[in-house]
C-alpha atoms as a PDB file:
ATOM      1  CA  MET A   1     114.404 191.869  53.240  1.00  0.00           C
ATOM      2  CA  LYS A   2     111.149 190.015  52.732  1.00  0.00           C
ATOM      3  CA  PHE A   3     109.370 189.267  56.002  1.00  0.00           C
ATOM      4  CA  PHE A   4     109.691 185.752  57.369  1.00  0.00           C
ATOM      5  CA  PRO A   5     108.319 184.683  60.766  1.00  0.00           C
ATOM      6  CA  ASN A   6     110.754 184.481  63.678  1.00  0.00           C
ATOM      7  CA  LEU A   7     108.774 181.640  65.272  1.00  0.00           C
ATOM      8  CA  ILE A   8     108.352 178.615  63.014  1.00  0.00           C
ATOM      9  CA  PRO A   9     107.263 174.974  63.273  1.00  0.00           C
ATOM     10  CA  ILE A  10     110.145 172.638  62.514  1.00  0.00           C
ATOM     11  CA  PHE A  11     110.184 169.195  60.938  1.00  0.00           C
ATOM     12  CA  PRO A  12     113.428 167.519  62.098  1.00  0.00           C
ATOM     13  CA  LEU A  13     114.612 164.740  59.801  1.00  0.00           C
ATOM     14  CA  GLY A  14     117.937 162.914  59.814  1.00  0.00           C
ATOM     15  CA  GLY A  15     119.957 162.709  56.606  1.00  0.00           C
ATOM     16  CA  VAL A  16     117.897 165.253  54.677  1.00  0.00           C
ATOM     17  CA  ILE A  17     118.972 168.746  53.682  1.00  0.00           C
ATOM     18  CA  TYR A  18     117.545 171.082  51.128  1.00  0.00           C
ATOM     19  CA  PHE A  19     118.300 174.541  49.860  1.00  0.00           C
ATOM     20  CA  PRO A  20     116.453 177.663  48.711  1.00  0.00           C
ATOM     21  CA  LYS A  21     114.909 177.301  45.244  1.00  0.00           C
ATOM     22  CA  THR A  22     114.927 173.497  45.435  1.00  0.00           C
ATOM     23  CA  ASN A  23     111.975 171.170  46.004  1.00  0.00           C
ATOM     24  CA  LEU A  24     111.516 168.529  48.672  1.00  0.00           C
ATOM     25  CA  PRO A  25     108.642 165.988  48.468  1.00  0.00           C
ATOM     26  CA  LEU A  26     107.524 164.616  51.841  1.00  0.00           C
ATOM     27  CA  ASN A  27     105.165 161.808  52.793  1.00  0.00           C
ATOM     28  CA  ILE A  28     103.504 162.804  56.083  1.00  0.00           C
ATOM     29  CA  PHE A  29     101.932 160.094  58.249  1.00  0.00           C
ATOM     30  CA  GLU A  30     102.893 160.725  61.915  1.00  0.00           C
ATOM     31  CA  GLN A  31     100.157 162.527  63.823  1.00  0.00           C
ATOM     32  CA  ARG A  32     102.449 165.300  65.097  1.00  0.00           C
ATOM     33  CA  TYR A  33     103.489 166.186  61.551  1.00  0.00           C
ATOM     34  CA  LEU A  34      99.954 165.819  60.202  1.00  0.00           C
ATOM     35  CA  ASP A  35      99.021 168.430  62.842  1.00  0.00           C
ATOM     36  CA  LEU A  36     101.972 170.581  61.757  1.00  0.00           C
ATOM     37  CA  VAL A  37     100.931 170.534  58.098  1.00  0.00           C
ATOM     38  CA  ASN A  38      97.265 171.172  58.857  1.00  0.00           C
ATOM     39  CA  ASP A  39      98.097 174.071  61.185  1.00  0.00           C
ATOM     40  CA  THR A  40     100.499 175.715  58.749  1.00  0.00           C
ATOM     41  CA  MET A  41      98.042 175.304  55.849  1.00  0.00           C
ATOM     42  CA  ARG A  42      95.624 177.439  57.864  1.00  0.00           C
ATOM     43  CA  LYS A  43      98.360 180.006  58.494  1.00  0.00           C
ATOM     44  CA  ASP A  44     101.235 180.788  56.089  1.00  0.00           C
ATOM     45  CA  LYS A  45     102.232 177.361  54.645  1.00  0.00           C
ATOM     46  CA  LEU A  46     105.765 177.800  56.043  1.00  0.00           C
ATOM     47  CA  ILE A  47     107.725 174.910  57.594  1.00  0.00           C
ATOM     48  CA  GLY A  48     111.328 174.743  58.771  1.00  0.00           C
ATOM     49  CA  MET A  49     113.302 171.647  57.771  1.00  0.00           C
ATOM     50  CA  ILE A  50     116.362 170.742  59.815  1.00  0.00           C
ATOM     51  CA  GLN A  51     118.580 167.722  60.375  1.00  0.00           C
ATOM     52  CA  LEU A  52     118.318 165.622  63.501  1.00  0.00           C
ATOM     53  CA  GLN A  53     121.510 164.782  65.310  1.00  0.00           C
ATOM     54  CA  LYS A  54     122.036 161.248  66.565  1.00  0.00           C
ATOM     55  CA  LYS A  55     121.391 161.870  70.243  1.00  0.00           C
ATOM     56  CA  ASN A  56     118.303 162.829  72.235  1.00  0.00           C
ATOM     57  CA  GLU A  57     116.267 164.402  69.430  1.00  0.00           C
ATOM     58  CA  GLU A  58     118.784 167.241  69.256  1.00  0.00           C
ATOM     59  CA  ILE A  59     118.835 169.262  66.068  1.00  0.00           C
ATOM     60  CA  TYR A  60     121.546 171.072  64.150  1.00  0.00           C
ATOM     61  CA  LYS A  61     121.538 174.865  64.328  1.00  0.00           C
ATOM     62  CA  ILE A  62     121.054 175.627  60.625  1.00  0.00           C
ATOM     63  CA  GLY A  63     118.045 174.624  58.518  1.00  0.00           C
ATOM     64  CA  CYS A  64     115.975 175.846  55.580  1.00  0.00           C
ATOM     65  CA  LEU A  65     112.534 177.434  55.549  1.00  0.00           C
ATOM     66  CA  GLY A  66     110.168 176.016  52.948  1.00  0.00           C
ATOM     67  CA  LYS A  67     106.695 176.829  51.694  1.00  0.00           C
ATOM     68  CA  ILE A  68     104.131 174.159  50.865  1.00  0.00           C
ATOM     69  CA  SER A  69     103.693 174.502  47.104  1.00  0.00           C
ATOM     70  CA  ASP A  70     101.580 171.375  46.599  1.00  0.00           C
ATOM     71  CA  ILE A  71      99.497 169.117  48.845  1.00  0.00           C
ATOM     72  CA  GLN A  72      97.649 165.855  48.257  1.00  0.00           C
ATOM     73  CA  ARG A  73      95.503 164.176  50.889  1.00  0.00           C
ATOM     74  CA  ASN A  74      95.091 160.397  50.731  1.00  0.00           C
ATOM     75  CA  VAL A  75      92.053 158.438  51.889  1.00  0.00           C
ATOM     76  CA  ASP A  76      94.223 156.633  54.464  1.00  0.00           C
ATOM     77  CA  GLY A  77      94.934 159.957  56.200  1.00  0.00           C
ATOM     78  CA  LYS A  78      98.467 160.399  54.874  1.00  0.00           C
ATOM     79  CA  ILE A  79      99.441 163.699  53.282  1.00  0.00           C
ATOM     80  CA  LEU A  80     101.891 164.215  50.421  1.00  0.00           C
ATOM     81  CA  ILE A  81     103.402 167.683  50.231  1.00  0.00           C
ATOM     82  CA  ASN A  82     106.032 169.459  48.197  1.00  0.00           C
ATOM     83  CA  LEU A  83     108.147 172.074  49.942  1.00  0.00           C
ATOM     84  CA  THR A  84     109.870 174.825  47.969  1.00  0.00           C
ATOM     85  CA  GLY A  85     112.949 176.205  49.727  1.00  0.00           C
ATOM     86  CA  LEU A  86     112.988 179.939  50.514  1.00  0.00           C
ATOM     87  CA  ILE A  87     115.845 180.872  52.862  1.00  0.00           C
ATOM     88  CA  ARG A  88     118.145 179.205  55.380  1.00  0.00           C
ATOM     89  CA  PHE A  89     117.854 180.080  59.067  1.00  0.00           C
ATOM     90  CA  GLU A  90     119.779 179.816  62.318  1.00  0.00           C
ATOM     91  CA  VAL A  91     118.022 178.374  65.376  1.00  0.00           C
ATOM     92  CA  LEU A  92     118.050 180.619  68.434  1.00  0.00           C
ATOM     93  CA  GLU A  93     115.931 178.674  70.915  1.00  0.00           C
ATOM     94  CA  GLU A  94     113.103 176.181  71.258  1.00  0.00           C
ATOM     95  CA  VAL A  95     109.769 177.583  72.441  1.00  0.00           C
ATOM     96  CA  GLU A  96     107.608 175.425  74.684  1.00  0.00           C
ATOM     97  CA  ASN A  97     104.102 174.784  73.433  1.00  0.00           C
ATOM     98  CA  SER A  98     101.156 172.434  73.975  1.00  0.00           C
ATOM     99  CA  LYS A  99     101.376 170.997  70.449  1.00  0.00           C
ATOM    100  CA  LEU A 100     102.667 167.612  69.369  1.00  0.00           C
ATOM    101  CA  TYR A 101     105.303 169.211  67.118  1.00  0.00           C
ATOM    102  CA  ARG A 102     108.187 171.526  68.018  1.00  0.00           C
ATOM    103  CA  GLU A 103     108.524 175.264  67.391  1.00  0.00           C
ATOM    104  CA  PHE A 104     111.694 177.354  67.380  1.00  0.00           C
ATOM    105  CA  ARG A 105     112.689 180.990  67.345  1.00  0.00           C
ATOM    106  CA  VAL A 106     115.004 181.560  64.373  1.00  0.00           C
ATOM    107  CA  ASP A 107     117.052 184.242  62.655  1.00  0.00           C
ATOM    108  CA  TYR A 108     117.715 184.713  58.919  1.00  0.00           C
ATOM    109  CA  LYS A 109     120.401 187.429  58.918  1.00  0.00           C
ATOM    110  CA  LYS A 110     123.327 185.173  57.941  1.00  0.00           C
ATOM    111  CA  PHE A 111     121.538 183.967  54.840  1.00  0.00           C
ATOM    112  CA  THR A 112     119.982 187.037  53.232  1.00  0.00           C
ATOM    113  CA  SER A 113     122.008 186.266  50.089  1.00  0.00           C
ATOM    114  CA  ASP A 114     119.661 183.279  49.557  1.00  0.00           C
ATOM    115  CA  LEU A 115     117.010 185.765  48.412  1.00  0.00           C
ATOM    116  CA  GLU A 116     119.225 187.346  45.749  1.00  0.00           C
ATOM    117  CA  PRO A 117     122.218 185.067  45.086  1.00  0.00           C
ATOM    118  CA  LYS A 118     125.273 186.915  43.845  1.00  0.00           C
ATOM    119  CA  SER A 119     126.780 185.857  40.545  1.00  0.00           C
ATOM    120  CA  GLU A 120     130.154 184.326  41.408  1.00  0.00           C
ATOM    121  CA  ASN A 121     132.650 183.645  38.624  1.00  0.00           C
ATOM    122  CA  ILE A 122     133.623 180.105  39.611  1.00  0.00           C
ATOM    123  CA  ASP A 123     134.692 177.303  37.292  1.00  0.00           C
ATOM    124  CA  ILE A 124     132.963 174.080  38.393  1.00  0.00           C
ATOM    125  CA  LYS A 125     134.030 171.846  35.470  1.00  0.00           C
ATOM    126  CA  LYS A 126     136.579 169.873  37.525  1.00  0.00           C
ATOM    127  CA  LEU A 127     134.073 169.425  40.338  1.00  0.00           C
ATOM    128  CA  MET A 128     131.458 168.120  37.873  1.00  0.00           C
ATOM    129  CA  GLU A 129     133.938 165.591  36.465  1.00  0.00           C
ATOM    130  CA  LYS A 130     134.786 164.332  39.955  1.00  0.00           C
ATOM    131  CA  ALA A 131     131.100 164.221  40.904  1.00  0.00           C
ATOM    132  CA  LYS A 132     130.307 161.995  37.897  1.00  0.00           C
ATOM    133  CA  VAL A 133     133.018 159.532  38.934  1.00  0.00           C
ATOM    134  CA  PHE A 134     131.907 159.624  42.586  1.00  0.00           C
ATOM    135  CA  PHE A 135     128.231 159.067  41.775  1.00  0.00           C
ATOM    136  CA  LYS A 136     129.018 156.257  39.331  1.00  0.00           C
ATOM    137  CA  LYS A 137     131.190 154.456  41.897  1.00  0.00           C
ATOM    138  CA  ASN A 138     128.263 154.661  44.341  1.00  0.00           C
ATOM    139  CA  GLY A 139     125.723 153.362  41.820  1.00  0.00           C
ATOM    140  CA  ILE A 140     123.776 156.632  41.676  1.00  0.00           C
ATOM    141  CA  LEU A 141     122.185 157.320  38.304  1.00  0.00           C
ATOM    142  CA  LEU A 142     121.671 160.948  37.348  1.00  0.00           C
ATOM    143  CA  ASN A 143     120.272 162.329  34.109  1.00  0.00           C
ATOM    144  CA  TRP A 144     123.276 164.519  33.354  1.00  0.00           C
ATOM    145  CA  ASP A 145     121.663 166.005  30.218  1.00  0.00           C
ATOM    146  CA  GLU A 146     118.792 167.382  32.315  1.00  0.00           C
ATOM    147  CA  PHE A 147     121.160 168.255  35.147  1.00  0.00           C
ATOM    148  CA  ASN A 148     123.278 170.405  32.822  1.00  0.00           C
ATOM    149  CA  LYS A 149     120.235 172.616  32.145  1.00  0.00           C
ATOM    150  CA  LEU A 150     120.425 173.885  35.728  1.00  0.00           C
ATOM    151  CA  ASN A 151     122.317 177.033  36.632  1.00  0.00           C
ATOM    152  CA  LYS A 152     125.578 176.841  38.580  1.00  0.00           C
ATOM    153  CA  LEU A 153     124.033 177.303  42.040  1.00  0.00           C
ATOM    154  CA  GLN A 154     121.249 174.782  41.348  1.00  0.00           C
ATOM    155  CA  LYS A 155     123.843 172.221  40.234  1.00  0.00           C
ATOM    156  CA  ILE A 156     125.873 172.549  43.429  1.00  0.00           C
ATOM    157  CA  ASP A 157     122.805 172.510  45.680  1.00  0.00           C
ATOM    158  CA  THR A 158     121.370 169.458  43.890  1.00  0.00           C
ATOM    159  CA  LEU A 159     124.634 167.531  44.208  1.00  0.00           C
ATOM    160  CA  SER A 160     124.860 168.528  47.883  1.00  0.00           C
ATOM    161  CA  MET A 161     121.337 167.230  48.537  1.00  0.00           C
ATOM    162  CA  ILE A 162     121.720 163.841  46.862  1.00  0.00           C
ATOM    163  CA  ALA A 163     125.397 163.057  47.497  1.00  0.00           C
ATOM    164  CA  PRO A 164     125.946 159.768  49.424  1.00  0.00           C
ATOM    165  CA  VAL A 165     127.825 161.379  52.314  1.00  0.00           C
ATOM    166  CA  THR A 166     127.359 161.588  56.083  1.00  0.00           C
ATOM    167  CA  ASN A 167     124.805 163.761  57.852  1.00  0.00           C
ATOM    168  CA  GLN A 168     127.623 165.897  59.254  1.00  0.00           C
ATOM    169  CA  GLU A 169     129.050 166.460  55.774  1.00  0.00           C
ATOM    170  CA  LYS A 170     125.609 167.362  54.432  1.00  0.00           C
ATOM    171  CA  GLN A 171     125.247 169.845  57.270  1.00  0.00           C
ATOM    172  CA  LYS A 172     128.603 171.407  56.471  1.00  0.00           C
ATOM    173  CA  LEU A 173     127.410 171.960  52.900  1.00  0.00           C
ATOM    174  CA  LEU A 174     124.170 173.540  54.124  1.00  0.00           C
ATOM    175  CA  GLU A 175     126.098 175.906  56.386  1.00  0.00           C
ATOM    176  CA  SER A 176     128.438 177.059  53.588  1.00  0.00           C
ATOM    177  CA  ILE A 177     127.209 180.595  52.967  1.00  0.00           C
ATOM    178  CA  THR A 178     128.748 181.531  49.608  1.00  0.00           C
ATOM    179  CA  LEU A 179     128.797 179.488  46.407  1.00  0.00           C
ATOM    180  CA  ASN A 180     132.596 179.574  46.459  1.00  0.00           C
ATOM    181  CA  GLU A 181     132.642 178.112  49.974  1.00  0.00           C
ATOM    182  CA  LYS A 182     130.093 175.466  48.999  1.00  0.00           C
ATOM    183  CA  VAL A 183     132.049 174.425  45.882  1.00  0.00           C
ATOM    184  CA  LYS A 184     135.255 174.049  47.919  1.00  0.00           C
ATOM    185  CA  THR A 185     133.501 172.073  50.669  1.00  0.00           C
ATOM    186  CA  LEU A 186     131.807 169.708  48.214  1.00  0.00           C
ATOM    187  CA  GLY A 187     135.065 169.242  46.301  1.00  0.00           C
ATOM    188  CA  ASP A 188     136.975 168.412  49.499  1.00  0.00           C
ATOM    189  CA  ILE A 189     134.321 165.874  50.539  1.00  0.00           C
ATOM    190  CA  ILE A 190     134.310 164.137  47.147  1.00  0.00           C
ATOM    191  CA  ASP A 191     138.122 164.132  47.058  1.00  0.00           C
ATOM    192  CA  PHE A 192     138.168 162.416  50.445  1.00  0.00           C
ATOM    193  CA  TYR A 193     135.845 159.636  49.288  1.00  0.00           C
ATOM    194  CA  LEU A 194     137.553 159.138  45.925  1.00  0.00           C
ATOM    195  CA  HIS A 195     140.947 158.961  47.629  1.00  0.00           C
ATOM    196  CA  GLU A 196     139.573 156.444  50.111  1.00  0.00           C
ATOM    197  CA  ILE A 197     138.084 154.333  47.313  1.00  0.00           C
ATOM    198  CA  ASN A 198     141.321 154.400  45.307  1.00  0.00           C
ATOM    199  CA  PHE A 199     143.348 153.550  48.392  1.00  0.00           C
ATOM    200  CA  ASN A 200     141.115 150.605  49.246  1.00  0.00           C
ATOM    201  CA  ASN A 201     141.397 149.288  45.692  1.00  0.00           C
ATOM    202  CA  LEU A 202     145.205 149.199  45.724  1.00  0.00           C
ATOM    203  CA  THR A 203     146.684 145.780  45.030  1.00  0.00           C
ATOM    204  CA  LEU A 204     149.883 144.975  46.894  1.00  0.00           C
ATOM    205  CA  GLN A 205     152.528 143.258  44.762  1.00  0.00           C
END
């Protein structure tokens, strides 16, 4: 397996997940994260992204390691970066430091398949049909012609990232290891919302 550091700086952010081989643009303006970006640009350009839980700055246990693939510095001091996802990780422990940002010891063993995804023979046509209905009902516009140019894994990961669902549901999608597991999880989540919408729209006679 390709070497990835066991101690990484982490950018915790609520409501945001991303996956290997996807891109995440970030607008950096807080001093602690400006320090994080500047430090990692001098080192290996690697940053861990992970969701914040609602209480006490706690984080979830699974995140995704990304590499800064583009950086733009503004005159007002803000930094725009693009992160390209590499591999998911599991948090082992937080490591105390004297920096403004947080660092964690992590492990990648559960997610080695992110480096060489296996080809899984899964039919996602029904899921795509349900996703179109779900996104339309939520007023989310997606260029489906461009979307259909993506491979199967990219389609599922993209839908997982942008779906209007809860942080906990997004996290469940991120923690789904295989494509088959991810497809089932996303389908169950969409089914729940579509059922709820249909139920709420019932007219009693």
